[in-house]
Structure formats: C-alpha cells, structure tokens
Amino acid sequence: MTTKYDKPNQPTSSPTNINEKAIIRNLSLVSVIGNAILSGFKMFAGIAGHSGAMISDAIHSFSDVLTTLIAWIGVKVSKKDADNSHPYGHERLECIASLFLGLVLMATGIGVGKVGVENILSGSYETLAIPSTIALVAAIVSIVGKEAMYWYTRYYAKLINSAAFLADAWHHRSDALSSIGSLVGIAGAMLGFPVLDSVASVVICLFIVKVAYDIMKDACVKMLDTSCGDGYEKELIEHISANDDVVHVDMLRSRMFGNKVYVDLEISVDGDKSLWEAHEVAERVHKDVEQNFSDVKHIMIHVNPVNNTLIPLCNTRN
C-alpha cells in the first residue's frame, strides 16, 4: 500500500462531457455520510472497548467530515466565473482550501500522537486498559471502508482534476493507514502488551503529518505560478509546431493557476503575410490549444514576423 501523495503538479487532460457538479456533489455526500457513520462507530467502539488508539482514530475520521466540507466549498468557489475583482478567475481558492485542509490534518495528527507519547513516557504500562474485541472489529471495518472511499474519491478527483478532492482522497487513505496502526496496536494490547495501543497512536500521528505536509506543499506550489514542467511544455510546442502556418515556436512559458494552466507563447509567422492573415494564424493556434488541452484556461500569443530562410533558435524559457 503506497503512502506517496498524488501530486497533481503535471496538468492532465480530462473528458469534456463529464458532469462536474454531479461528481462534486456525490463525492461530498459519500465522504460526509461515510465518515460520520465510521467516526460514530469507532468512537463507540473505542470507549466501549477501552482503546485509546481507536478513540484517536475516531477523531481522525470525524475530522474528515470537516475537511470534506472545506474541499467542497473550495471547489465550488473556484468554479465561479471571473469578475471585475478577479479577472483571472477563482481557481486559486481551491489551493487555499487544500492548504487549510492540510493544516487541519496536521493539527489532527499532532493531537492524535500527543496522548500516545504521554502514555509511553509515563512508564505505567500495567495501569493501561486492555482493549476488547469490539475495538478490533472497528479497526477492520475502518480499514475496508476508508480504503474503498480513497479509491472512489481519487478516481473522480483525477477525472475533474481537483486538487482539493485529491487531497481529501489522501485524507481517506491516511485514515485507512491509521486504522491499520490501530489494528496492530489493539491486537498487541490484547495479546498482553498494552503499551502497543499507545504506540499505535504515535504511528497514526506520523502517517497523518506526512500526508498533511504533502498536501500543503502541493497547494503552495500551485499558488506560486510554478511551471508545468519541461515534458508538458515540450508536448505543447510539438502540438503548436505541427500547424502549417507556424514557422517556429520562439518562446513558451506555462504556469499553474490552481488546477488550470496559463500559457504565454511567441510564434514566428511568414513576414509576407498581412496583419489580418497573421492574426488569423494566432487565433487558430489559440482555439486549437484550448480545445485540445482542456487544462489550459488561456494562452496569450505574440506573433513575430520572420523570413522563412531565417529560423530562430527555440527558447522555451526566455
């Protein structure tokens, strides 16, 4: 089971015939309802079964309800049309939602580990309660349920290229991993090693904090106009160069803006063409790129006149 966070740094094309509103609504409902049921059951099992690890796990699941609401609000707001105050749109608000989600997840992880560390350092292991079978059952149910929610959310988050819901998917995965820690700790405590329940709480903390860090790092990258990378820009250059009226791609820069991409482009066009003809070439390239690269929200094109016998060197950065 991988713990690597799916960083959506490289833009990906997504189908144009999907119903994003329906997907966002379904993802939110599945996450909120599923987490509410799981957190209630795990809290009951943790209290009734005398398991600190399971109570910590229940708190983690309950935080998923909050973070899903944050993701839903972030995605909804980011889909708003551009206005006078935000002429480039609202996509970065989704990054802010992911950043806040990461902070909540980080705080949750630290809180989960704090009690476990205190129990371990106390040294009074003989006074620790031994978990009962219901806590063990709750851990198994949680692992299965949260892993299913991870794959469901991850699939549709990638389909709509949503950083906030991809972050939420990894929150589900971190909960599944924390439940594995709970399962090991509870089983070990039932076998005569009560401190393992507290050790499980600390392990859960480490998993949560790592995922929270990756989520916040990705959100920050997308808010800093980071390039989409050489591979993505090379694909764009090759696509644009295939246009018969484009003599050469002189410069191409890309930058991520939330889950969308902005492109600045300079192309060489035959200098003997009229201004109207050169403008028409730029318009065709503009429409072609935005139609074939669904993540490109806008491409700004500058046309350079060139003698066909003088081909400039391509520079994708300057």
C-alpha atoms as a PDB file:
ATOM      1  CA  MET A   1       0.000   0.000   0.000  1.00  0.00           C
ATOM      2  CA  THR A   2       1.659   3.193  -1.155  1.00  0.00           C
ATOM      3  CA  THR A   3       1.912   6.276   1.028  1.00  0.00           C
ATOM      4  CA  LYS A   4       3.063   8.618  -1.733  1.00  0.00           C
ATOM      5  CA  TYR A   5       0.774  11.598  -2.196  1.00  0.00           C
ATOM      6  CA  ASP A   6      -0.646  12.029  -5.717  1.00  0.00           C
ATOM      7  CA  LYS A   7       0.693  15.465  -6.521  1.00  0.00           C
ATOM      8  CA  PRO A   8      -1.327  16.915  -9.386  1.00  0.00           C
ATOM      9  CA  ASN A   9       1.596  19.165 -10.413  1.00  0.00           C
ATOM     10  CA  GLN A  10       1.508  17.969 -14.001  1.00  0.00           C
ATOM     11  CA  PRO A  11      -1.733  19.078 -15.661  1.00  0.00           C
ATOM     12  CA  THR A  12      -3.742  16.310 -17.250  1.00  0.00           C
ATOM     13  CA  SER A  13      -6.429  16.486 -19.866  1.00  0.00           C
ATOM     14  CA  SER A  14      -9.875  15.408 -18.690  1.00  0.00           C
ATOM     15  CA  PRO A  15     -13.013  14.436 -20.644  1.00  0.00           C
ATOM     16  CA  THR A  16     -15.208  17.360 -21.653  1.00  0.00           C
ATOM     17  CA  ASN A  17     -18.527  15.515 -21.323  1.00  0.00           C
ATOM     18  CA  ILE A  18     -18.418  14.865 -17.573  1.00  0.00           C
ATOM     19  CA  ASN A  19     -20.881  16.418 -15.133  1.00  0.00           C
ATOM     20  CA  GLU A  20     -18.565  18.128 -12.647  1.00  0.00           C
ATOM     21  CA  LYS A  21     -21.387  19.420 -10.445  1.00  0.00           C
ATOM     22  CA  ALA A  22     -22.830  15.920 -10.015  1.00  0.00           C
ATOM     23  CA  ILE A  23     -19.380  14.448  -9.283  1.00  0.00           C
ATOM     24  CA  ILE A  24     -18.603  17.142  -6.698  1.00  0.00           C
ATOM     25  CA  ARG A  25     -21.981  16.608  -5.017  1.00  0.00           C
ATOM     26  CA  ASN A  26     -21.593  12.810  -4.929  1.00  0.00           C
ATOM     27  CA  LEU A  27     -18.019  12.960  -3.629  1.00  0.00           C
ATOM     28  CA  SER A  28     -19.085  15.285  -0.847  1.00  0.00           C
ATOM     29  CA  LEU A  29     -22.092  13.185   0.154  1.00  0.00           C
ATOM     30  CA  VAL A  30     -20.182   9.889   0.151  1.00  0.00           C
ATOM     31  CA  SER A  31     -17.375  11.369   2.226  1.00  0.00           C
ATOM     32  CA  VAL A  32     -19.552  13.200   4.760  1.00  0.00           C
ATOM     33  CA  ILE A  33     -22.041  10.367   5.302  1.00  0.00           C
ATOM     34  CA  GLY A  34     -19.380   7.620   5.260  1.00  0.00           C
ATOM     35  CA  ASN A  35     -17.117   9.444   7.707  1.00  0.00           C
ATOM     36  CA  ALA A  36     -19.972  10.367  10.020  1.00  0.00           C
ATOM     37  CA  ILE A  37     -21.039   6.722  10.281  1.00  0.00           C
ATOM     38  CA  LEU A  38     -17.482   5.426  10.676  1.00  0.00           C
ATOM     39  CA  SER A  39     -16.440   8.026  13.243  1.00  0.00           C
ATOM     40  CA  GLY A  40     -19.555   7.362  15.339  1.00  0.00           C
ATOM     41  CA  PHE A  41     -18.992   3.611  15.274  1.00  0.00           C
ATOM     42  CA  LYS A  42     -15.266   3.925  16.055  1.00  0.00           C
ATOM     43  CA  MET A  43     -15.864   6.356  18.904  1.00  0.00           C
ATOM     44  CA  PHE A  44     -18.390   3.951  20.428  1.00  0.00           C
ATOM     45  CA  ALA A  45     -16.002   1.019  19.910  1.00  0.00           C
ATOM     46  CA  GLY A  46     -13.069   2.983  21.353  1.00  0.00           C
ATOM     47  CA  ILE A  47     -14.958   3.955  24.512  1.00  0.00           C
ATOM     48  CA  ALA A  48     -16.698   0.603  24.984  1.00  0.00           C
ATOM     49  CA  GLY A  49     -13.550  -1.318  24.062  1.00  0.00           C
ATOM     50  CA  HIS A  50     -11.172   0.794  26.203  1.00  0.00           C
ATOM     51  CA  SER A  51      -8.900   1.641  23.258  1.00  0.00           C
ATOM     52  CA  GLY A  52      -7.114   4.988  23.100  1.00  0.00           C
ATOM     53  CA  ALA A  53      -5.903   4.190  19.586  1.00  0.00           C
ATOM     54  CA  MET A  54      -9.469   3.651  18.388  1.00  0.00           C
ATOM     55  CA  ILE A  55     -10.683   6.869  20.026  1.00  0.00           C
ATOM     56  CA  SER A  56      -7.857   8.737  18.256  1.00  0.00           C
ATOM     57  CA  ASP A  57      -8.839   7.002  15.035  1.00  0.00           C
ATOM     58  CA  ALA A  58     -12.446   8.104  15.544  1.00  0.00           C
ATOM     59  CA  ILE A  59     -11.331  11.723  15.989  1.00  0.00           C
ATOM     60  CA  HIS A  60      -9.339  11.408  12.769  1.00  0.00           C
ATOM     61  CA  SER A  61     -12.410  10.151  10.892  1.00  0.00           C
ATOM     62  CA  PHE A  62     -14.559  12.932  12.304  1.00  0.00           C
ATOM     63  CA  SER A  63     -12.037  15.485  11.030  1.00  0.00           C
ATOM     64  CA  ASP A  64     -12.670  14.050   7.541  1.00  0.00           C
ATOM     65  CA  VAL A  65     -16.227  15.391   7.729  1.00  0.00           C
ATOM     66  CA  LEU A  66     -14.851  18.883   8.286  1.00  0.00           C
ATOM     67  CA  THR A  67     -12.145  18.612   5.620  1.00  0.00           C
ATOM     68  CA  THR A  68     -14.609  17.311   3.023  1.00  0.00           C
ATOM     69  CA  LEU A  69     -16.809  20.327   3.642  1.00  0.00           C
ATOM     70  CA  ILE A  70     -13.731  22.534   3.208  1.00  0.00           C
ATOM     71  CA  ALA A  71     -12.851  20.764  -0.059  1.00  0.00           C
ATOM     72  CA  TRP A  72     -16.441  21.104  -1.310  1.00  0.00           C
ATOM     73  CA  ILE A  73     -16.565  24.830  -0.520  1.00  0.00           C
ATOM     74  CA  GLY A  74     -13.153  25.360  -2.130  1.00  0.00           C
ATOM     75  CA  VAL A  75     -14.107  23.573  -5.355  1.00  0.00           C
ATOM     76  CA  LYS A  76     -17.490  25.321  -5.586  1.00  0.00           C
ATOM     77  CA  VAL A  77     -15.957  28.767  -5.123  1.00  0.00           C
ATOM     78  CA  SER A  78     -13.106  28.047  -7.564  1.00  0.00           C
ATOM     79  CA  LYS A  79     -15.660  27.316 -10.325  1.00  0.00           C
ATOM     80  CA  LYS A  80     -17.103  30.836 -10.138  1.00  0.00           C
ATOM     81  CA  ASP A  81     -16.745  32.905 -13.286  1.00  0.00           C
ATOM     82  CA  ALA A  82     -14.202  35.717 -13.476  1.00  0.00           C
ATOM     83  CA  ASP A  83     -15.410  39.122 -12.311  1.00  0.00           C
ATOM     84  CA  ASN A  84     -14.074  42.671 -12.061  1.00  0.00           C
ATOM     85  CA  SER A  85     -12.270  41.936  -8.811  1.00  0.00           C
ATOM     86  CA  HIS A  86     -10.879  38.603 -10.032  1.00  0.00           C
ATOM     87  CA  PRO A  87     -10.389  38.918 -13.807  1.00  0.00           C
ATOM     88  CA  TYR A  88      -8.323  35.704 -13.951  1.00  0.00           C
ATOM     89  CA  GLY A  89     -10.947  33.633 -12.143  1.00  0.00           C
ATOM     90  CA  HIS A  90     -11.067  31.976  -8.722  1.00  0.00           C
ATOM     91  CA  GLU A  91      -9.090  28.745  -9.245  1.00  0.00           C
ATOM     92  CA  ARG A  92      -6.552  29.564  -6.551  1.00  0.00           C
ATOM     93  CA  LEU A  93      -9.271  29.480  -3.923  1.00  0.00           C
ATOM     94  CA  GLU A  94      -9.210  25.706  -4.293  1.00  0.00           C
ATOM     95  CA  CYS A  95      -5.500  25.800  -3.384  1.00  0.00           C
ATOM     96  CA  ILE A  96      -6.350  27.851  -0.300  1.00  0.00           C
ATOM     97  CA  ALA A  97      -8.952  25.221   0.635  1.00  0.00           C
ATOM     98  CA  SER A  98      -6.330  22.468   0.188  1.00  0.00           C
ATOM     99  CA  LEU A  99      -3.863  24.444   2.291  1.00  0.00           C
ATOM    100  CA  PHE A 100      -6.392  24.873   5.094  1.00  0.00           C
ATOM    101  CA  LEU A 101      -7.325  21.194   4.785  1.00  0.00           C
ATOM    102  CA  GLY A 102      -3.649  20.286   5.209  1.00  0.00           C
ATOM    103  CA  LEU A 103      -3.358  22.469   8.305  1.00  0.00           C
ATOM    104  CA  VAL A 104      -6.419  20.794   9.857  1.00  0.00           C
ATOM    105  CA  LEU A 105      -4.954  17.381   9.038  1.00  0.00           C
ATOM    106  CA  MET A 106      -1.584  18.371  10.543  1.00  0.00           C
ATOM    107  CA  ALA A 107      -3.229  19.562  13.767  1.00  0.00           C
ATOM    108  CA  THR A 108      -5.257  16.337  13.933  1.00  0.00           C
ATOM    109  CA  GLY A 109      -2.153  14.182  13.517  1.00  0.00           C
ATOM    110  CA  ILE A 110      -0.247  16.012  16.237  1.00  0.00           C
ATOM    111  CA  GLY A 111      -3.219  15.745  18.577  1.00  0.00           C
ATOM    112  CA  VAL A 112      -3.524  12.013  17.897  1.00  0.00           C
ATOM    113  CA  GLY A 113       0.151  11.410  18.716  1.00  0.00           C
ATOM    114  CA  LYS A 114       0.301  13.605  21.825  1.00  0.00           C
ATOM    115  CA  VAL A 115      -1.724  11.306  24.090  1.00  0.00           C
ATOM    116  CA  GLY A 116       0.137   8.242  22.830  1.00  0.00           C
ATOM    117  CA  VAL A 117       3.543   9.792  23.609  1.00  0.00           C
ATOM    118  CA  GLU A 118       2.389  10.780  27.100  1.00  0.00           C
ATOM    119  CA  ASN A 119       1.272   7.192  27.823  1.00  0.00           C
ATOM    120  CA  ILE A 120       4.532   5.740  26.517  1.00  0.00           C
ATOM    121  CA  LEU A 121       6.676   8.138  28.566  1.00  0.00           C
ATOM    122  CA  SER A 122       4.656   7.556  31.735  1.00  0.00           C
ATOM    123  CA  GLY A 123       6.055   4.016  32.087  1.00  0.00           C
ATOM    124  CA  SER A 124       2.911   2.879  33.940  1.00  0.00           C
ATOM    125  CA  TYR A 125       2.001   0.259  31.376  1.00  0.00           C
ATOM    126  CA  GLU A 126       0.351  -2.061  33.870  1.00  0.00           C
ATOM    127  CA  THR A 127      -2.357   0.546  34.526  1.00  0.00           C
ATOM    128  CA  LEU A 128      -3.296   0.845  30.860  1.00  0.00           C
ATOM    129  CA  ALA A 129      -6.658  -0.671  29.916  1.00  0.00           C
ATOM    130  CA  ILE A 130      -6.718  -3.711  27.648  1.00  0.00           C
ATOM    131  CA  PRO A 131      -8.878  -3.176  24.520  1.00  0.00           C
ATOM    132  CA  SER A 132     -11.744  -5.583  23.856  1.00  0.00           C
ATOM    133  CA  THR A 133     -12.888  -7.346  20.673  1.00  0.00           C
ATOM    134  CA  ILE A 134     -15.249  -4.573  19.529  1.00  0.00           C
ATOM    135  CA  ALA A 135     -12.278  -2.219  19.099  1.00  0.00           C
ATOM    136  CA  LEU A 136     -10.543  -4.829  16.934  1.00  0.00           C
ATOM    137  CA  VAL A 137     -13.667  -5.226  14.761  1.00  0.00           C
ATOM    138  CA  ALA A 138     -13.975  -1.458  14.390  1.00  0.00           C
ATOM    139  CA  ALA A 139     -10.385  -1.246  13.126  1.00  0.00           C
ATOM    140  CA  ILE A 140     -11.061  -3.878  10.435  1.00  0.00           C
ATOM    141  CA  VAL A 141     -14.298  -2.179   9.332  1.00  0.00           C
ATOM    142  CA  SER A 142     -12.491   1.153   9.177  1.00  0.00           C
ATOM    143  CA  ILE A 143      -9.627  -0.182   7.026  1.00  0.00           C
ATOM    144  CA  VAL A 144     -12.011  -1.655   4.451  1.00  0.00           C
ATOM    145  CA  GLY A 145     -14.379   1.315   4.423  1.00  0.00           C
ATOM    146  CA  LYS A 146     -11.743   4.039   4.237  1.00  0.00           C
ATOM    147  CA  GLU A 147      -9.697   2.291   1.564  1.00  0.00           C
ATOM    148  CA  ALA A 148     -12.843   1.989  -0.579  1.00  0.00           C
ATOM    149  CA  MET A 149     -13.573   5.694  -0.056  1.00  0.00           C
ATOM    150  CA  TYR A 150      -9.956   6.528  -1.018  1.00  0.00           C
ATOM    151  CA  TRP A 151     -10.147   4.783  -4.391  1.00  0.00           C
ATOM    152  CA  TYR A 152     -13.608   6.189  -5.132  1.00  0.00           C
ATOM    153  CA  THR A 153     -12.605   9.782  -4.323  1.00  0.00           C
ATOM    154  CA  ARG A 154      -9.209   9.502  -6.013  1.00  0.00           C
ATOM    155  CA  TYR A 155     -10.755   8.272  -9.278  1.00  0.00           C
ATOM    156  CA  TYR A 156     -13.255  11.124  -9.578  1.00  0.00           C
ATOM    157  CA  ALA A 157     -10.826  13.775  -8.245  1.00  0.00           C
ATOM    158  CA  LYS A 158      -8.444  12.903 -11.083  1.00  0.00           C
ATOM    159  CA  LEU A 159     -11.337  12.885 -13.557  1.00  0.00           C
ATOM    160  CA  ILE A 160     -12.199  16.524 -12.744  1.00  0.00           C
ATOM    161  CA  ASN A 161      -8.553  17.444 -11.954  1.00  0.00           C
ATOM    162  CA  SER A 162      -9.409  18.665  -8.450  1.00  0.00           C
ATOM    163  CA  ALA A 163      -6.517  19.254  -6.034  1.00  0.00           C
ATOM    164  CA  ALA A 164      -8.881  19.729  -3.096  1.00  0.00           C
ATOM    165  CA  PHE A 165     -10.705  16.414  -3.594  1.00  0.00           C
ATOM    166  CA  LEU A 166      -7.442  14.608  -4.363  1.00  0.00           C
ATOM    167  CA  ALA A 167      -6.207  15.907  -1.027  1.00  0.00           C
ATOM    168  CA  ASP A 168      -9.439  14.648   0.518  1.00  0.00           C
ATOM    169  CA  ALA A 169      -8.846  11.223  -1.054  1.00  0.00           C
ATOM    170  CA  TRP A 170      -5.487  11.071   0.683  1.00  0.00           C
ATOM    171  CA  HIS A 171      -7.173  12.012   3.909  1.00  0.00           C
ATOM    172  CA  HIS A 172      -9.232   8.816   3.445  1.00  0.00           C
ATOM    173  CA  ARG A 173      -6.037   6.844   2.791  1.00  0.00           C
ATOM    174  CA  SER A 174      -4.350   8.299   5.868  1.00  0.00           C
ATOM    175  CA  ASP A 175      -7.365   7.201   7.913  1.00  0.00           C
ATOM    176  CA  ALA A 176      -7.084   3.677   6.475  1.00  0.00           C
ATOM    177  CA  LEU A 177      -3.395   3.642   7.398  1.00  0.00           C
ATOM    178  CA  SER A 178      -4.165   4.909  10.873  1.00  0.00           C
ATOM    179  CA  SER A 179      -6.699   2.113  11.279  1.00  0.00           C
ATOM    180  CA  ILE A 180      -4.010  -0.415  10.343  1.00  0.00           C
ATOM    181  CA  GLY A 181      -1.923   1.060  13.149  1.00  0.00           C
ATOM    182  CA  SER A 182      -4.927   0.774  15.432  1.00  0.00           C
ATOM    183  CA  LEU A 183      -5.441  -2.861  14.431  1.00  0.00           C
ATOM    184  CA  VAL A 184      -1.823  -3.770  15.223  1.00  0.00           C
ATOM    185  CA  GLY A 185      -1.844  -1.825  18.481  1.00  0.00           C
ATOM    186  CA  ILE A 186      -5.157  -3.216  19.677  1.00  0.00           C
ATOM    187  CA  ALA A 187      -4.211  -6.794  18.756  1.00  0.00           C
ATOM    188  CA  GLY A 188      -0.854  -6.414  20.513  1.00  0.00           C
ATOM    189  CA  ALA A 189      -2.501  -4.986  23.622  1.00  0.00           C
ATOM    190  CA  MET A 190      -4.989  -7.875  23.678  1.00  0.00           C
ATOM    191  CA  LEU A 191      -2.059 -10.291  23.494  1.00  0.00           C
ATOM    192  CA  GLY A 192      -0.520  -8.840  26.649  1.00  0.00           C
ATOM    193  CA  PHE A 193       1.358  -5.725  25.511  1.00  0.00           C
ATOM    194  CA  PRO A 194      -0.940  -2.821  26.492  1.00  0.00           C
ATOM    195  CA  VAL A 195       1.610  -0.128  25.555  1.00  0.00           C
ATOM    196  CA  LEU A 196       1.212  -1.106  21.889  1.00  0.00           C
ATOM    197  CA  ASP A 197      -2.167   0.647  21.841  1.00  0.00           C
ATOM    198  CA  SER A 198      -0.373   3.913  22.640  1.00  0.00           C
ATOM    199  CA  VAL A 199       2.436   3.135  20.191  1.00  0.00           C
ATOM    200  CA  ALA A 200      -0.248   2.763  17.504  1.00  0.00           C
ATOM    201  CA  SER A 201      -1.464   6.275  18.271  1.00  0.00           C
ATOM    202  CA  VAL A 202       2.032   7.656  17.631  1.00  0.00           C
ATOM    203  CA  VAL A 203       2.355   5.704  14.360  1.00  0.00           C
ATOM    204  CA  ILE A 204      -1.002   7.105  13.277  1.00  0.00           C
ATOM    205  CA  CYS A 205       0.308  10.588  14.015  1.00  0.00           C
ATOM    206  CA  LEU A 206       3.337  10.125  11.749  1.00  0.00           C
ATOM    207  CA  PHE A 207       1.231   8.958   8.797  1.00  0.00           C
ATOM    208  CA  ILE A 208      -1.180  11.857   9.160  1.00  0.00           C
ATOM    209  CA  VAL A 209       1.545  14.502   9.483  1.00  0.00           C
ATOM    210  CA  LYS A 210       3.380  13.219   6.374  1.00  0.00           C
ATOM    211  CA  VAL A 211       0.248  13.364   4.203  1.00  0.00           C
ATOM    212  CA  ALA A 212      -0.622  16.813   5.603  1.00  0.00           C
ATOM    213  CA  TYR A 213       2.835  18.085   4.634  1.00  0.00           C
ATOM    214  CA  ASP A 214       2.486  16.796   1.051  1.00  0.00           C
ATOM    215  CA  ILE A 215      -0.960  18.364   0.682  1.00  0.00           C
ATOM    216  CA  MET A 216       0.245  21.774   1.889  1.00  0.00           C
ATOM    217  CA  LYS A 217       3.370  21.612  -0.276  1.00  0.00           C
ATOM    218  CA  ASP A 218       1.319  20.909  -3.402  1.00  0.00           C
ATOM    219  CA  ALA A 219      -1.099  23.743  -2.607  1.00  0.00           C
ATOM    220  CA  CYS A 220       1.798  26.183  -2.185  1.00  0.00           C
ATOM    221  CA  VAL A 221       3.393  25.084  -5.468  1.00  0.00           C
ATOM    222  CA  LYS A 222       0.167  25.782  -7.328  1.00  0.00           C
ATOM    223  CA  MET A 223      -0.148  29.236  -5.795  1.00  0.00           C
ATOM    224  CA  LEU A 224       3.349  30.325  -6.870  1.00  0.00           C
ATOM    225  CA  ASP A 225       2.912  30.310 -10.677  1.00  0.00           C
ATOM    226  CA  THR A 226       5.066  27.191 -10.923  1.00  0.00           C
ATOM    227  CA  SER A 227       5.923  25.941 -14.424  1.00  0.00           C
ATOM    228  CA  CYS A 228       4.084  22.857 -15.658  1.00  0.00           C
ATOM    229  CA  GLY A 229       7.447  21.263 -16.415  1.00  0.00           C
ATOM    230  CA  ASP A 230       9.597  20.510 -19.458  1.00  0.00           C
ATOM    231  CA  GLY A 231       7.570  17.466 -20.505  1.00  0.00           C
ATOM    232  CA  TYR A 232       4.278  19.336 -20.623  1.00  0.00           C
ATOM    233  CA  GLU A 233       5.813  22.330 -22.417  1.00  0.00           C
ATOM    234  CA  LYS A 234       7.518  20.063 -24.959  1.00  0.00           C
ATOM    235  CA  GLU A 235       4.176  18.425 -25.741  1.00  0.00           C
ATOM    236  CA  LEU A 236       2.623  21.868 -26.261  1.00  0.00           C
ATOM    237  CA  ILE A 237       5.487  23.009 -28.512  1.00  0.00           C
ATOM    238  CA  GLU A 238       5.226  19.905 -30.673  1.00  0.00           C
ATOM    239  CA  HIS A 239       1.463  20.334 -30.999  1.00  0.00           C
ATOM    240  CA  ILE A 240       1.718  24.012 -31.941  1.00  0.00           C
ATOM    241  CA  SER A 241       4.640  23.448 -34.330  1.00  0.00           C
ATOM    242  CA  ALA A 242       2.507  20.965 -36.277  1.00  0.00           C
ATOM    243  CA  ASN A 243       0.424  23.918 -37.514  1.00  0.00           C
ATOM    244  CA  ASP A 244       1.428  24.574 -41.138  1.00  0.00           C
ATOM    245  CA  ASP A 245       1.370  28.368 -40.717  1.00  0.00           C
ATOM    246  CA  VAL A 246       3.629  28.350 -37.640  1.00  0.00           C
ATOM    247  CA  VAL A 247       7.212  28.678 -38.866  1.00  0.00           C
ATOM    248  CA  HIS A 248       8.679  28.257 -35.400  1.00  0.00           C
ATOM    249  CA  VAL A 249       7.839  28.360 -31.680  1.00  0.00           C
ATOM    250  CA  ASP A 250      10.155  31.094 -30.373  1.00  0.00           C
ATOM    251  CA  MET A 251       9.155  31.077 -26.708  1.00  0.00           C
ATOM    252  CA  LEU A 252       6.706  29.213 -24.494  1.00  0.00           C
ATOM    253  CA  ARG A 253       6.093  29.662 -20.786  1.00  0.00           C
ATOM    254  CA  SER A 254       3.459  27.896 -18.702  1.00  0.00           C
ATOM    255  CA  ARG A 255       2.250  28.485 -15.163  1.00  0.00           C
ATOM    256  CA  MET A 256      -0.186  26.694 -12.932  1.00  0.00           C
ATOM    257  CA  PHE A 257      -3.119  28.702 -11.620  1.00  0.00           C
ATOM    258  CA  GLY A 258      -4.952  26.408  -9.226  1.00  0.00           C
ATOM    259  CA  ASN A 259      -5.968  23.398 -11.315  1.00  0.00           C
ATOM    260  CA  LYS A 260      -5.756  25.401 -14.568  1.00  0.00           C
ATOM    261  CA  VAL A 261      -2.854  26.473 -16.765  1.00  0.00           C
ATOM    262  CA  TYR A 262      -1.949  29.802 -18.355  1.00  0.00           C
ATOM    263  CA  VAL A 263       0.445  29.882 -21.327  1.00  0.00           C
ATOM    264  CA  ASP A 264       2.500  32.713 -22.837  1.00  0.00           C
ATOM    265  CA  LEU A 265       3.595  31.969 -26.399  1.00  0.00           C
ATOM    266  CA  GLU A 266       5.640  33.602 -29.130  1.00  0.00           C
ATOM    267  CA  ILE A 267       5.467  32.142 -32.632  1.00  0.00           C
ATOM    268  CA  SER A 268       7.185  33.025 -35.900  1.00  0.00           C
ATOM    269  CA  VAL A 269       4.908  33.544 -38.894  1.00  0.00           C
ATOM    270  CA  ASP A 270       5.850  34.286 -42.503  1.00  0.00           C
ATOM    271  CA  GLY A 271       6.614  38.015 -42.620  1.00  0.00           C
ATOM    272  CA  ASP A 272       4.997  38.347 -46.010  1.00  0.00           C
ATOM    273  CA  LYS A 273       1.558  37.637 -44.550  1.00  0.00           C
ATOM    274  CA  SER A 274      -0.758  40.580 -43.943  1.00  0.00           C
ATOM    275  CA  LEU A 275      -1.653  41.649 -40.402  1.00  0.00           C
ATOM    276  CA  TRP A 276      -5.082  40.060 -40.839  1.00  0.00           C
ATOM    277  CA  GLU A 277      -3.550  36.775 -42.001  1.00  0.00           C
ATOM    278  CA  ALA A 278      -1.039  36.699 -39.119  1.00  0.00           C
ATOM    279  CA  HIS A 279      -3.837  37.448 -36.657  1.00  0.00           C
ATOM    280  CA  GLU A 280      -5.878  34.587 -38.123  1.00  0.00           C
ATOM    281  CA  VAL A 281      -2.951  32.192 -37.565  1.00  0.00           C
ATOM    282  CA  ALA A 282      -2.722  33.256 -33.921  1.00  0.00           C
ATOM    283  CA  GLU A 283      -6.494  32.801 -33.480  1.00  0.00           C
ATOM    284  CA  ARG A 284      -6.356  29.277 -34.921  1.00  0.00           C
ATOM    285  CA  VAL A 285      -3.476  28.326 -32.623  1.00  0.00           C
ATOM    286  CA  HIS A 286      -5.325  29.861 -29.661  1.00  0.00           C
ATOM    287  CA  LYS A 287      -8.518  27.871 -30.282  1.00  0.00           C
ATOM    288  CA  ASP A 288      -6.648  24.688 -31.139  1.00  0.00           C
ATOM    289  CA  VAL A 289      -4.629  24.674 -27.904  1.00  0.00           C
ATOM    290  CA  GLU A 290      -7.598  25.452 -25.657  1.00  0.00           C
ATOM    291  CA  GLN A 291      -9.698  22.753 -27.359  1.00  0.00           C
ATOM    292  CA  ASN A 292      -7.035  20.031 -27.220  1.00  0.00           C
ATOM    293  CA  PHE A 293      -5.548  20.858 -23.804  1.00  0.00           C
ATOM    294  CA  SER A 294      -8.586  21.110 -21.523  1.00  0.00           C
ATOM    295  CA  ASP A 295      -6.497  22.280 -18.563  1.00  0.00           C
ATOM    296  CA  VAL A 296      -5.295  25.377 -20.455  1.00  0.00           C
ATOM    297  CA  LYS A 297      -7.600  28.195 -19.428  1.00  0.00           C
ATOM    298  CA  HIS A 298      -5.951  30.836 -21.619  1.00  0.00           C
ATOM    299  CA  ILE A 299      -3.000  31.187 -23.967  1.00  0.00           C
ATOM    300  CA  MET A 300      -1.582  34.606 -24.830  1.00  0.00           C
ATOM    301  CA  ILE A 301       0.102  34.640 -28.251  1.00  0.00           C
ATOM    302  CA  HIS A 302       2.629  37.110 -29.670  1.00  0.00           C
ATOM    303  CA  VAL A 303       3.420  36.873 -33.403  1.00  0.00           C
ATOM    304  CA  ASN A 304       6.919  37.538 -34.758  1.00  0.00           C
ATOM    305  CA  PRO A 305       7.389  38.165 -38.498  1.00  0.00           C
ATOM    306  CA  VAL A 306      10.168  36.046 -39.982  1.00  0.00           C
ATOM    307  CA  ASN A 307      11.804  35.359 -43.286  1.00  0.00           C
ATOM    308  CA  ASN A 308      11.327  31.637 -43.985  1.00  0.00           C
ATOM    309  CA  THR A 309      15.055  31.319 -44.676  1.00  0.00           C
ATOM    310  CA  LEU A 310      15.936  32.617 -41.207  1.00  0.00           C
ATOM    311  CA  ILE A 311      14.744  30.236 -38.496  1.00  0.00           C
ATOM    312  CA  PRO A 312      15.429  31.427 -34.911  1.00  0.00           C
ATOM    313  CA  LEU A 313      16.536  29.089 -32.179  1.00  0.00           C
ATOM    314  CA  CYS A 314      13.693  27.922 -29.950  1.00  0.00           C
ATOM    315  CA  ASN A 315      13.849  29.092 -26.328  1.00  0.00           C
ATOM    316  CA  THR A 316      11.131  27.718 -24.074  1.00  0.00           C
ATOM    317  CA  ARG A 317      12.105  29.793 -21.036  1.00  0.00           C
ATOM    318  CA  ASN A 318      13.186  33.284 -22.187  1.00  0.00           C
END
